[in-house]
């Protein structure tokens, strides 16, 4: 949209953008709690093998990062009315402008969350195509593959606690990069609030002067 259209849209919907920024902050907080718990769980794992907490917190952090991503750039939904989808697309474009986030920002990558969300389908595919029916799930170690003779396609969830990389069927996802992307968005929210107040005349309760 043009700068004029952007200004008109944001000015007439400032409450909506306050709500979206507030939800981003809530998801950042969720990711932060998960990251803190993950660090604690990794310490405990070194002492007594606490693995369930690690997988829970990894998934929670990925879900929160994906939620932030969807707020900033909404997913297309075929079942939604066309006018509702168009509005969400415009709102996402305006929000990215407020946050000064480009299309190449790492928060917009949702591959890890999408993989976890469609785990059941991947297991179906593995069952139909695998001749050996060997599978490794929720393994951990300081290397990418701790099992000799197990192929990448048979390793569904593996966490390298040395590099903090999540390995899923041969794909590598850096949880450090994911967390840094969340922190970068969090740092932009305050500036977006100031922009809403100073450039668009929005009422921003509680915003520091």
N, C-alpha and C. Protein backbone atom coordinates (compact mmCIF):
# COMPACT_ATOMS: atom_id res chain seq x y z
N UNK A 1 0.84 -1.19 0.00
CA UNK A 1 0.00 0.00 0.00
C UNK A 1 0.88 1.24 0.00
N UNK A 2 0.33 2.34 -0.47
CA UNK A 2 1.09 3.59 -0.54
C UNK A 2 1.25 4.17 0.87
N UNK A 3 2.20 5.08 1.07
CA UNK A 3 2.34 5.71 2.40
C UNK A 3 1.06 6.38 2.87
N UNK A 4 0.31 6.97 1.94
CA UNK A 4 -0.95 7.62 2.30
C UNK A 4 -1.98 6.59 2.76
N UNK A 5 -2.05 5.48 2.04
CA UNK A 5 -2.98 4.42 2.42
C UNK A 5 -2.59 3.80 3.76
N UNK A 6 -1.29 3.66 3.97
CA UNK A 6 -0.80 3.12 5.23
C UNK A 6 -1.20 4.02 6.39
N UNK A 7 -0.98 5.33 6.22
CA UNK A 7 -1.31 6.27 7.29
C UNK A 7 -2.80 6.24 7.60
N UNK A 8 -3.62 6.22 6.58
CA UNK A 8 -5.07 6.20 6.79
C UNK A 8 -5.51 4.92 7.49
N UNK A 9 -4.93 3.80 7.05
CA UNK A 9 -5.31 2.51 7.62
C UNK A 9 -4.90 2.42 9.09
N UNK A 10 -3.67 2.78 9.40
CA UNK A 10 -3.19 2.68 10.78
C UNK A 10 -3.91 3.68 11.67
N UNK A 11 -4.11 4.90 11.19
CA UNK A 11 -4.76 5.94 11.98
C UNK A 11 -6.19 5.55 12.35
N UNK A 12 -6.88 4.89 11.42
CA UNK A 12 -8.27 4.52 11.66
C UNK A 12 -8.41 3.22 12.43
N UNK A 13 -7.29 2.52 12.63
CA UNK A 13 -7.34 1.21 13.31
C UNK A 13 -6.29 1.11 14.40
N UNK A 14 -6.00 2.22 15.06
CA UNK A 14 -4.88 2.23 16.01
C UNK A 14 -5.11 1.25 17.16
N UNK A 15 -6.36 1.09 17.60
CA UNK A 15 -6.63 0.15 18.68
C UNK A 15 -6.27 -1.28 18.26
N UNK A 16 -6.57 -1.61 17.01
CA UNK A 16 -6.22 -2.94 16.49
C UNK A 16 -4.72 -3.17 16.57
N UNK A 17 -3.93 -2.17 16.21
CA UNK A 17 -2.48 -2.35 16.22
C UNK A 17 -1.93 -2.39 17.64
N UNK A 18 -2.57 -1.67 18.57
CA UNK A 18 -2.19 -1.81 19.98
C UNK A 18 -2.40 -3.25 20.44
N UNK A 19 -3.53 -3.83 20.04
CA UNK A 19 -3.83 -5.20 20.44
C UNK A 19 -2.80 -6.17 19.85
N UNK A 20 -2.43 -5.96 18.60
CA UNK A 20 -1.47 -6.86 17.96
C UNK A 20 -0.09 -6.75 18.61
N UNK A 21 0.33 -5.54 18.92
CA UNK A 21 1.62 -5.37 19.59
C UNK A 21 1.60 -5.97 20.98
N UNK A 22 0.46 -5.85 21.67
CA UNK A 22 0.33 -6.45 22.99
C UNK A 22 0.41 -7.97 22.91
N UNK A 23 -0.18 -8.56 21.87
CA UNK A 23 -0.13 -10.01 21.72
C UNK A 23 1.29 -10.48 21.38
N UNK A 24 2.00 -9.69 20.59
CA UNK A 24 3.40 -10.02 20.32
C UNK A 24 4.18 -10.06 21.63
N UNK A 25 3.96 -9.08 22.48
CA UNK A 25 4.66 -9.04 23.77
C UNK A 25 4.32 -10.28 24.61
N UNK A 26 3.05 -10.70 24.57
CA UNK A 26 2.64 -11.88 25.33
C UNK A 26 3.35 -13.13 24.81
N UNK A 27 3.49 -13.25 23.51
CA UNK A 27 4.16 -14.41 22.93
C UNK A 27 5.67 -14.35 23.18
N UNK A 28 6.23 -13.16 23.19
CA UNK A 28 7.66 -13.01 23.55
C UNK A 28 7.88 -13.51 24.98
N UNK A 29 6.96 -13.12 25.88
CA UNK A 29 7.06 -13.57 27.27
C UNK A 29 6.96 -15.09 27.36
N UNK A 30 6.06 -15.68 26.58
CA UNK A 30 5.92 -17.14 26.55
C UNK A 30 7.21 -17.79 26.07
N UNK A 31 7.79 -17.25 25.01
CA UNK A 31 9.05 -17.79 24.49
C UNK A 31 10.18 -17.63 25.50
N UNK A 32 10.19 -16.50 26.19
CA UNK A 32 11.24 -16.24 27.18
C UNK A 32 11.17 -17.23 28.34
N UNK A 33 9.96 -17.48 28.83
CA UNK A 33 9.80 -18.46 29.91
C UNK A 33 10.26 -19.84 29.45
N UNK A 34 9.89 -20.20 28.21
CA UNK A 34 10.30 -21.50 27.68
C UNK A 34 11.81 -21.59 27.54
N UNK A 35 12.45 -20.50 27.08
CA UNK A 35 13.90 -20.50 26.92
C UNK A 35 14.61 -20.63 28.27
N UNK A 36 14.08 -19.93 29.29
CA UNK A 36 14.67 -20.03 30.62
C UNK A 36 14.51 -21.44 31.19
N UNK A 37 13.32 -22.02 30.99
CA UNK A 37 13.10 -23.39 31.47
C UNK A 37 13.98 -24.38 30.70
N UNK A 38 14.16 -24.11 29.40
CA UNK A 38 15.00 -24.98 28.59
C UNK A 38 16.43 -25.00 29.11
N UNK A 39 16.96 -23.84 29.42
CA UNK A 39 18.33 -23.78 29.95
C UNK A 39 18.44 -24.55 31.26
N UNK A 40 17.42 -24.40 32.11
CA UNK A 40 17.41 -25.13 33.38
C UNK A 40 17.30 -26.63 33.13
N UNK A 41 16.43 -27.02 32.19
CA UNK A 41 16.25 -28.44 31.90
C UNK A 41 17.52 -29.06 31.34
N UNK A 42 18.26 -28.30 30.54
CA UNK A 42 19.52 -28.81 29.99
C UNK A 42 20.53 -29.02 31.10
N UNK A 43 20.54 -28.13 32.08
CA UNK A 43 21.44 -28.31 33.22
C UNK A 43 21.04 -29.56 34.01
N UNK A 44 19.74 -29.74 34.22
CA UNK A 44 19.26 -30.89 34.97
C UNK A 44 19.49 -32.19 34.20
N UNK A 45 19.41 -32.09 32.88
CA UNK A 45 19.64 -33.29 32.06
C UNK A 45 21.06 -33.81 32.24
N UNK A 46 21.99 -32.86 32.35
CA UNK A 46 23.39 -33.26 32.54
C UNK A 46 23.57 -34.01 33.86
N UNK A 47 22.65 -33.74 34.81
CA UNK A 47 22.77 -34.36 36.13
C UNK A 47 21.96 -35.65 36.24
N UNK A 48 20.72 -35.62 35.69
CA UNK A 48 19.87 -36.80 35.91
C UNK A 48 18.96 -37.11 34.72
N UNK A 49 19.35 -36.67 33.52
CA UNK A 49 18.64 -37.10 32.33
C UNK A 49 17.22 -36.58 32.21
N UNK A 50 16.99 -35.31 32.45
CA UNK A 50 15.65 -34.72 32.38
C UNK A 50 15.34 -34.35 30.92
N UNK A 51 14.76 -35.30 30.17
CA UNK A 51 14.55 -35.07 28.73
C UNK A 51 13.17 -34.53 28.39
N UNK A 52 12.13 -34.96 29.10
CA UNK A 52 10.77 -34.54 28.75
C UNK A 52 10.64 -33.02 28.82
N UNK A 53 11.21 -32.41 29.84
CA UNK A 53 11.11 -30.95 29.98
C UNK A 53 11.79 -30.25 28.81
N UNK A 54 12.89 -30.80 28.34
CA UNK A 54 13.60 -30.20 27.21
C UNK A 54 12.73 -30.17 25.98
N UNK A 55 12.09 -31.30 25.66
CA UNK A 55 11.25 -31.34 24.46
C UNK A 55 10.02 -30.47 24.61
N UNK A 56 9.45 -30.40 25.78
CA UNK A 56 8.29 -29.54 26.02
C UNK A 56 8.65 -28.09 25.79
N UNK A 57 9.77 -27.66 26.35
CA UNK A 57 10.16 -26.25 26.25
C UNK A 57 10.61 -25.88 24.84
N UNK A 58 11.26 -26.82 24.14
CA UNK A 58 11.63 -26.57 22.74
C UNK A 58 10.38 -26.32 21.90
N UNK A 59 9.37 -27.16 22.09
CA UNK A 59 8.16 -27.01 21.30
C UNK A 59 7.41 -25.74 21.68
N UNK A 60 7.37 -25.41 22.95
CA UNK A 60 6.70 -24.19 23.39
C UNK A 60 7.37 -22.96 22.79
N UNK A 61 8.70 -22.94 22.78
CA UNK A 61 9.43 -21.81 22.21
C UNK A 61 9.16 -21.69 20.71
N UNK A 62 9.14 -22.83 20.01
CA UNK A 62 8.86 -22.82 18.57
C UNK A 62 7.44 -22.33 18.29
N UNK A 63 6.49 -22.75 19.12
CA UNK A 63 5.10 -22.33 18.94
C UNK A 63 4.94 -20.83 19.16
N UNK A 64 5.61 -20.30 20.18
CA UNK A 64 5.53 -18.86 20.45
C UNK A 64 6.14 -18.05 19.32
N UNK A 65 7.30 -18.50 18.82
CA UNK A 65 7.94 -17.80 17.70
C UNK A 65 7.05 -17.83 16.46
N UNK A 66 6.38 -18.96 16.23
CA UNK A 66 5.48 -19.07 15.07
C UNK A 66 4.26 -18.18 15.25
N UNK A 67 3.77 -18.06 16.48
CA UNK A 67 2.62 -17.19 16.73
C UNK A 67 2.98 -15.73 16.42
N UNK A 68 4.18 -15.31 16.83
CA UNK A 68 4.65 -13.96 16.51
C UNK A 68 4.72 -13.78 15.01
N UNK A 69 5.24 -14.80 14.34
CA UNK A 69 5.38 -14.75 12.89
C UNK A 69 4.03 -14.58 12.21
N UNK A 70 3.01 -15.33 12.69
CA UNK A 70 1.68 -15.25 12.07
C UNK A 70 1.03 -13.90 12.30
N UNK A 71 1.29 -13.29 13.46
CA UNK A 71 0.74 -11.96 13.72
C UNK A 71 1.33 -10.95 12.73
N UNK A 72 2.63 -11.07 12.52
CA UNK A 72 3.34 -10.13 11.65
C UNK A 72 3.01 -10.37 10.18
N UNK A 73 2.88 -11.65 9.83
CA UNK A 73 2.53 -11.99 8.44
C UNK A 73 1.51 -13.12 8.47
N UNK A 74 0.23 -12.78 8.45
CA UNK A 74 -0.82 -13.79 8.60
C UNK A 74 -0.78 -14.85 7.50
N UNK A 75 -1.13 -16.05 7.90
CA UNK A 75 -1.23 -17.15 6.94
C UNK A 75 -2.47 -16.98 6.06
N UNK A 76 -2.39 -17.38 4.80
CA UNK A 76 -3.60 -17.41 3.97
C UNK A 76 -4.49 -18.58 4.38
N UNK A 77 -5.78 -18.32 4.44
CA UNK A 77 -6.75 -19.36 4.79
C UNK A 77 -7.83 -19.38 3.72
N UNK A 78 -7.92 -20.51 3.04
CA UNK A 78 -8.87 -20.61 1.93
C UNK A 78 -10.31 -20.54 2.40
N UNK A 79 -10.58 -20.93 3.64
CA UNK A 79 -11.96 -20.97 4.13
C UNK A 79 -12.45 -19.61 4.62
N UNK A 80 -11.55 -18.67 4.77
CA UNK A 80 -11.97 -17.34 5.22
C UNK A 80 -12.59 -16.56 4.07
N UNK A 81 -13.54 -15.69 4.35
CA UNK A 81 -14.05 -14.81 3.30
C UNK A 81 -12.92 -13.98 2.71
N UNK A 82 -13.00 -13.71 1.43
CA UNK A 82 -11.91 -13.01 0.74
C UNK A 82 -11.64 -11.65 1.38
N UNK A 83 -12.70 -10.95 1.77
CA UNK A 83 -12.48 -9.61 2.35
C UNK A 83 -11.77 -9.69 3.70
N UNK A 84 -12.03 -10.76 4.48
CA UNK A 84 -11.37 -10.92 5.77
C UNK A 84 -9.89 -11.22 5.56
N UNK A 85 -9.57 -12.09 4.59
CA UNK A 85 -8.17 -12.40 4.31
C UNK A 85 -7.44 -11.18 3.79
N UNK A 86 -8.10 -10.42 2.94
CA UNK A 86 -7.47 -9.21 2.42
C UNK A 86 -7.18 -8.22 3.54
N UNK A 87 -8.11 -8.10 4.49
CA UNK A 87 -7.89 -7.19 5.62
C UNK A 87 -6.70 -7.66 6.44
N UNK A 88 -6.62 -8.98 6.73
CA UNK A 88 -5.49 -9.49 7.52
C UNK A 88 -4.17 -9.26 6.81
N UNK A 89 -4.16 -9.42 5.49
CA UNK A 89 -2.94 -9.19 4.73
C UNK A 89 -2.51 -7.73 4.83
N UNK A 90 -3.48 -6.82 4.73
CA UNK A 90 -3.16 -5.39 4.83
C UNK A 90 -2.70 -5.04 6.24
N UNK A 91 -3.36 -5.63 7.23
CA UNK A 91 -2.96 -5.38 8.62
C UNK A 91 -1.54 -5.88 8.86
N UNK A 92 -1.21 -7.07 8.32
CA UNK A 92 0.14 -7.59 8.47
C UNK A 92 1.16 -6.70 7.79
N UNK A 93 0.85 -6.22 6.60
CA UNK A 93 1.76 -5.32 5.89
C UNK A 93 2.00 -4.06 6.69
N UNK A 94 0.93 -3.50 7.25
CA UNK A 94 1.07 -2.28 8.05
C UNK A 94 1.86 -2.54 9.32
N UNK A 95 1.63 -3.67 9.94
CA UNK A 95 2.35 -4.00 11.17
C UNK A 95 3.84 -4.20 10.90
N UNK A 96 4.16 -4.83 9.79
CA UNK A 96 5.58 -4.98 9.43
C UNK A 96 6.22 -3.63 9.19
N UNK A 97 5.45 -2.71 8.64
CA UNK A 97 5.97 -1.36 8.43
C UNK A 97 6.22 -0.66 9.76
N UNK A 98 5.29 -0.79 10.70
CA UNK A 98 5.46 -0.19 12.02
C UNK A 98 6.69 -0.75 12.73
N UNK A 99 6.90 -2.05 12.57
CA UNK A 99 8.02 -2.72 13.23
C UNK A 99 9.31 -2.64 12.41
N UNK A 100 9.21 -2.13 11.19
CA UNK A 100 10.35 -2.05 10.27
C UNK A 100 10.95 -3.43 10.05
N UNK A 101 10.09 -4.38 9.73
CA UNK A 101 10.50 -5.76 9.48
C UNK A 101 10.32 -6.08 8.01
N UNK A 102 11.40 -6.54 7.37
CA UNK A 102 11.36 -6.89 5.96
C UNK A 102 10.95 -8.33 5.74
N UNK A 103 10.75 -8.67 4.48
CA UNK A 103 10.30 -10.02 4.14
C UNK A 103 11.36 -11.09 4.44
N UNK A 104 12.61 -10.67 4.62
CA UNK A 104 13.67 -11.64 4.88
C UNK A 104 13.99 -11.79 6.36
N UNK A 105 13.16 -11.21 7.23
CA UNK A 105 13.43 -11.32 8.67
C UNK A 105 13.28 -12.77 9.10
N UNK A 106 14.20 -13.29 9.92
CA UNK A 106 14.16 -14.71 10.32
C UNK A 106 12.91 -15.10 11.11
N UNK A 107 12.22 -14.15 11.72
CA UNK A 107 11.01 -14.51 12.47
C UNK A 107 9.93 -15.05 11.54
N UNK A 108 10.02 -14.71 10.26
CA UNK A 108 9.00 -15.15 9.30
C UNK A 108 9.21 -16.60 8.85
N UNK A 109 10.34 -17.20 9.22
CA UNK A 109 10.58 -18.61 8.89
C UNK A 109 9.86 -19.48 9.91
N UNK A 110 8.96 -20.31 9.44
CA UNK A 110 8.16 -21.13 10.35
C UNK A 110 8.39 -22.62 10.11
N UNK A 111 9.49 -22.98 9.51
CA UNK A 111 9.70 -24.36 9.10
C UNK A 111 9.69 -25.34 10.27
N UNK A 112 10.34 -24.95 11.39
CA UNK A 112 10.40 -25.87 12.52
C UNK A 112 9.01 -26.09 13.10
N UNK A 113 8.29 -25.03 13.33
CA UNK A 113 6.94 -25.17 13.89
C UNK A 113 6.06 -25.97 12.95
N UNK A 114 6.17 -25.72 11.64
CA UNK A 114 5.35 -26.44 10.67
C UNK A 114 5.68 -27.93 10.68
N UNK A 115 6.97 -28.24 10.83
CA UNK A 115 7.37 -29.63 10.92
C UNK A 115 6.72 -30.31 12.13
N UNK A 116 6.80 -29.66 13.27
CA UNK A 116 6.24 -30.23 14.49
C UNK A 116 4.72 -30.34 14.41
N UNK A 117 4.09 -29.36 13.76
CA UNK A 117 2.62 -29.37 13.65
C UNK A 117 2.13 -30.49 12.75
N UNK A 118 2.97 -30.92 11.82
CA UNK A 118 2.56 -31.97 10.87
C UNK A 118 3.35 -33.26 11.10
N UNK A 119 3.76 -33.46 12.35
CA UNK A 119 4.54 -34.63 12.69
C UNK A 119 3.80 -35.92 12.33
N UNK A 120 2.49 -35.96 12.59
CA UNK A 120 1.73 -37.17 12.32
C UNK A 120 1.76 -37.53 10.83
N UNK A 121 1.71 -36.51 9.96
CA UNK A 121 1.75 -36.77 8.53
C UNK A 121 3.13 -37.29 8.11
N UNK A 122 4.17 -36.75 8.72
CA UNK A 122 5.52 -37.22 8.40
C UNK A 122 5.72 -38.67 8.85
N UNK A 123 5.14 -39.02 10.00
CA UNK A 123 5.24 -40.40 10.46
C UNK A 123 4.47 -41.33 9.52
N UNK A 124 3.31 -40.88 9.04
CA UNK A 124 2.57 -41.66 8.05
C UNK A 124 3.43 -41.91 6.81
N UNK A 125 4.06 -40.83 6.34
CA UNK A 125 4.90 -40.95 5.13
C UNK A 125 6.06 -41.90 5.38
N UNK A 126 6.67 -41.77 6.57
CA UNK A 126 7.78 -42.68 6.91
C UNK A 126 7.30 -44.13 6.91
N UNK A 127 6.14 -44.39 7.48
CA UNK A 127 5.62 -45.75 7.57
C UNK A 127 5.36 -46.33 6.18
N UNK A 128 4.86 -45.50 5.28
CA UNK A 128 4.52 -45.97 3.94
C UNK A 128 5.75 -46.18 3.06
N UNK A 129 6.81 -45.42 3.31
CA UNK A 129 7.96 -45.46 2.41
C UNK A 129 9.17 -46.20 2.97
N UNK A 130 9.26 -46.35 4.28
CA UNK A 130 10.43 -46.99 4.89
C UNK A 130 10.35 -48.51 4.73
N UNK A 131 11.43 -49.09 4.30
CA UNK A 131 11.50 -50.54 4.19
C UNK A 131 11.92 -51.18 5.51
N UNK A 132 12.68 -50.41 6.33
CA UNK A 132 13.22 -51.00 7.57
C UNK A 132 12.33 -50.70 8.78
N UNK A 133 11.54 -49.63 8.70
CA UNK A 133 10.71 -49.18 9.83
C UNK A 133 11.55 -48.96 11.08
N UNK A 134 12.72 -48.34 10.85
CA UNK A 134 13.56 -47.88 11.96
C UNK A 134 13.27 -46.41 12.18
N UNK A 135 13.07 -46.03 13.43
CA UNK A 135 12.78 -44.63 13.72
C UNK A 135 13.47 -44.22 15.02
N UNK A 136 13.97 -42.99 15.03
CA UNK A 136 14.57 -42.41 16.23
C UNK A 136 13.80 -41.15 16.59
N UNK A 137 13.34 -41.07 17.84
CA UNK A 137 12.58 -39.91 18.27
C UNK A 137 13.12 -39.38 19.59
N UNK A 138 13.17 -38.05 19.65
CA UNK A 138 13.55 -37.35 20.87
C UNK A 138 14.88 -37.83 21.44
N UNK A 139 15.87 -37.86 20.58
CA UNK A 139 17.22 -38.20 21.02
C UNK A 139 17.99 -36.91 21.27
N UNK A 140 19.07 -37.02 22.04
CA UNK A 140 19.91 -35.87 22.35
C UNK A 140 21.36 -36.29 22.42
N UNK A 141 22.23 -35.35 22.11
CA UNK A 141 23.65 -35.61 22.20
C UNK A 141 24.43 -34.39 21.74
N UNK A 142 25.75 -34.50 21.76
CA UNK A 142 26.59 -33.37 21.35
C UNK A 142 27.04 -33.51 19.90
N UNK A 143 26.41 -34.44 19.18
CA UNK A 143 26.62 -34.59 17.73
C UNK A 143 25.23 -34.68 17.08
N UNK A 144 25.20 -34.62 15.74
CA UNK A 144 23.91 -34.58 15.05
C UNK A 144 23.23 -35.94 14.97
N UNK A 145 23.99 -37.02 15.00
CA UNK A 145 23.41 -38.35 14.91
C UNK A 145 24.19 -39.27 15.83
N UNK A 146 23.52 -39.75 16.87
CA UNK A 146 24.21 -40.56 17.86
C UNK A 146 24.03 -42.05 17.61
N UNK A 147 23.31 -42.40 16.54
CA UNK A 147 23.04 -43.81 16.26
C UNK A 147 23.68 -44.21 14.94
N UNK A 148 24.60 -45.13 14.99
CA UNK A 148 25.24 -45.63 13.78
C UNK A 148 24.23 -46.42 12.95
N UNK A 149 24.23 -46.18 11.66
CA UNK A 149 23.36 -46.93 10.77
C UNK A 149 21.96 -46.39 10.63
N UNK A 150 21.62 -45.34 11.37
CA UNK A 150 20.29 -44.73 11.26
C UNK A 150 20.36 -43.58 10.26
N UNK A 151 19.50 -43.62 9.26
CA UNK A 151 19.52 -42.61 8.21
C UNK A 151 18.85 -41.32 8.69
N UNK A 152 19.20 -40.22 8.02
CA UNK A 152 18.64 -38.92 8.41
C UNK A 152 17.11 -38.93 8.38
N UNK A 153 16.53 -39.59 7.38
CA UNK A 153 15.07 -39.60 7.25
C UNK A 153 14.39 -40.37 8.37
N UNK A 154 15.18 -41.13 9.14
CA UNK A 154 14.63 -41.93 10.24
C UNK A 154 14.77 -41.23 11.58
N UNK A 155 15.43 -40.06 11.58
CA UNK A 155 15.62 -39.30 12.82
C UNK A 155 14.61 -38.16 12.83
N UNK A 156 13.58 -38.29 13.62
CA UNK A 156 12.51 -37.31 13.61
C UNK A 156 12.78 -36.12 14.51
N UNK A 157 13.29 -36.34 15.67
CA UNK A 157 13.60 -35.23 16.57
C UNK A 157 14.92 -35.52 17.26
N UNK A 158 15.89 -34.68 17.01
CA UNK A 158 17.17 -34.82 17.69
C UNK A 158 17.66 -33.43 18.07
N UNK A 159 18.10 -33.29 19.30
CA UNK A 159 18.60 -32.00 19.78
C UNK A 159 20.08 -32.11 20.08
N UNK A 160 20.87 -31.30 19.38
CA UNK A 160 22.30 -31.22 19.64
C UNK A 160 22.51 -30.17 20.71
N UNK A 161 22.74 -30.59 21.94
CA UNK A 161 22.81 -29.61 23.03
C UNK A 161 24.12 -28.84 23.06
N UNK A 162 25.06 -29.22 22.19
CA UNK A 162 26.29 -28.43 22.09
C UNK A 162 26.07 -27.21 21.18
N UNK A 163 25.44 -27.43 20.03
CA UNK A 163 25.19 -26.33 19.08
C UNK A 163 23.82 -25.70 19.28
N UNK A 164 22.95 -26.33 20.09
CA UNK A 164 21.55 -25.93 20.28
C UNK A 164 20.77 -26.00 18.96
N UNK A 165 21.14 -26.94 18.11
CA UNK A 165 20.42 -27.16 16.84
C UNK A 165 19.41 -28.29 17.01
N UNK A 166 18.27 -28.10 16.39
CA UNK A 166 17.21 -29.10 16.36
C UNK A 166 17.29 -29.78 15.00
N UNK A 167 17.46 -31.09 14.98
CA UNK A 167 17.59 -31.84 13.73
C UNK A 167 16.31 -32.62 13.50
N UNK A 168 15.73 -32.43 12.33
CA UNK A 168 14.48 -33.11 12.00
C UNK A 168 14.58 -33.68 10.59
N UNK A 169 14.74 -34.98 10.50
CA UNK A 169 14.81 -35.70 9.22
C UNK A 169 15.81 -35.05 8.26
N UNK A 170 16.96 -34.72 8.78
CA UNK A 170 18.02 -34.17 7.96
C UNK A 170 18.03 -32.65 7.87
N UNK A 171 16.98 -31.99 8.34
CA UNK A 171 16.94 -30.53 8.34
C UNK A 171 17.45 -30.00 9.67
N UNK A 172 18.22 -28.93 9.60
CA UNK A 172 18.80 -28.33 10.79
C UNK A 172 18.11 -27.00 11.08
N UNK A 173 17.69 -26.84 12.33
CA UNK A 173 17.05 -25.60 12.76
C UNK A 173 17.80 -25.08 13.99
N UNK A 174 18.28 -23.86 13.90
CA UNK A 174 19.03 -23.28 15.01
C UNK A 174 18.07 -22.64 16.01
N UNK A 175 18.02 -23.18 17.22
CA UNK A 175 17.17 -22.55 18.23
C UNK A 175 17.76 -21.22 18.70
N UNK A 176 19.07 -21.07 18.54
CA UNK A 176 19.70 -19.79 18.90
C UNK A 176 19.24 -18.70 17.93
N UNK A 177 19.21 -19.01 16.63
CA UNK A 177 18.74 -18.04 15.64
C UNK A 177 17.26 -17.73 15.86
N UNK A 178 16.48 -18.74 16.21
CA UNK A 178 15.06 -18.52 16.47
C UNK A 178 14.87 -17.57 17.66
N UNK A 179 15.63 -17.81 18.72
CA UNK A 179 15.52 -16.97 19.91
C UNK A 179 15.99 -15.55 19.62
N UNK A 180 17.07 -15.41 18.86
CA UNK A 180 17.55 -14.07 18.50
C UNK A 180 16.52 -13.31 17.66
N UNK A 181 15.79 -14.04 16.81
CA UNK A 181 14.75 -13.41 16.01
C UNK A 181 13.62 -12.89 16.90
N UNK A 182 13.25 -13.69 17.91
CA UNK A 182 12.22 -13.26 18.86
C UNK A 182 12.67 -12.01 19.61
N UNK A 183 13.93 -12.01 20.07
CA UNK A 183 14.44 -10.85 20.79
C UNK A 183 14.48 -9.61 19.92
N UNK A 184 14.81 -9.78 18.64
CA UNK A 184 14.85 -8.64 17.73
C UNK A 184 13.47 -8.03 17.56
N UNK A 185 12.46 -8.87 17.41
CA UNK A 185 11.09 -8.36 17.28
C UNK A 185 10.69 -7.65 18.58
N UNK A 186 11.02 -8.26 19.71
CA UNK A 186 10.67 -7.65 21.00
C UNK A 186 11.26 -6.25 21.13
N UNK A 187 12.49 -6.10 20.64
CA UNK A 187 13.15 -4.79 20.73
C UNK A 187 12.48 -3.75 19.84
N UNK A 188 11.79 -4.20 18.80
CA UNK A 188 11.14 -3.27 17.87
C UNK A 188 9.76 -2.83 18.34
N UNK A 189 9.16 -3.57 19.27
CA UNK A 189 7.79 -3.27 19.67
C UNK A 189 7.68 -1.89 20.33
N UNK A 190 8.61 -1.56 21.20
CA UNK A 190 8.55 -0.26 21.88
C UNK A 190 8.62 0.87 20.86
N UNK A 191 9.51 0.75 19.86
CA UNK A 191 9.61 1.77 18.83
C UNK A 191 8.32 1.88 18.03
N UNK A 192 7.67 0.73 17.79
CA UNK A 192 6.40 0.75 17.06
C UNK A 192 5.32 1.47 17.87
N UNK A 193 5.32 1.29 19.17
CA UNK A 193 4.35 1.98 20.02
C UNK A 193 4.56 3.49 19.98
N UNK A 194 5.82 3.91 20.03
CA UNK A 194 6.13 5.33 19.96
C UNK A 194 5.69 5.89 18.61
N UNK A 195 5.91 5.13 17.55
CA UNK A 195 5.50 5.56 16.22
C UNK A 195 3.99 5.70 16.14
N UNK A 196 3.27 4.75 16.74
CA UNK A 196 1.81 4.83 16.76
C UNK A 196 1.34 6.10 17.47
N UNK A 197 2.01 6.43 18.56
CA UNK A 197 1.61 7.61 19.34
C UNK A 197 2.00 8.89 18.63
N UNK A 198 3.25 8.99 18.19
CA UNK A 198 3.77 10.26 17.69
C UNK A 198 3.40 10.53 16.23
N UNK A 199 3.35 9.49 15.41
CA UNK A 199 3.08 9.69 13.98
C UNK A 199 1.63 9.47 13.60
N UNK A 200 0.91 8.67 14.40
CA UNK A 200 -0.47 8.35 14.04
C UNK A 200 -1.48 8.83 15.08
N UNK A 201 -0.99 9.51 16.13
CA UNK A 201 -1.89 10.10 17.12
C UNK A 201 -2.65 9.09 17.94
N UNK A 202 -2.12 7.89 18.10
CA UNK A 202 -2.82 6.85 18.83
C UNK A 202 -2.64 7.05 20.33
N UNK A 203 -3.68 6.71 21.08
CA UNK A 203 -3.60 6.73 22.54
C UNK A 203 -2.87 5.47 22.99
N UNK A 204 -1.74 5.66 23.66
CA UNK A 204 -0.91 4.54 24.09
C UNK A 204 -0.77 4.56 25.61
N UNK A 205 -1.72 3.99 26.34
CA UNK A 205 -1.66 4.02 27.80
C UNK A 205 -0.43 3.29 28.33
N UNK A 206 0.23 3.92 29.31
CA UNK A 206 1.37 3.29 29.95
C UNK A 206 2.68 3.43 29.21
N UNK A 207 2.67 4.10 28.05
CA UNK A 207 3.90 4.25 27.29
C UNK A 207 4.76 5.33 27.91
N UNK A 208 6.03 5.01 28.13
CA UNK A 208 6.94 6.00 28.73
C UNK A 208 7.06 7.21 27.83
N UNK A 209 7.12 8.34 28.45
CA UNK A 209 7.27 9.58 27.67
C UNK A 209 8.70 9.72 27.18
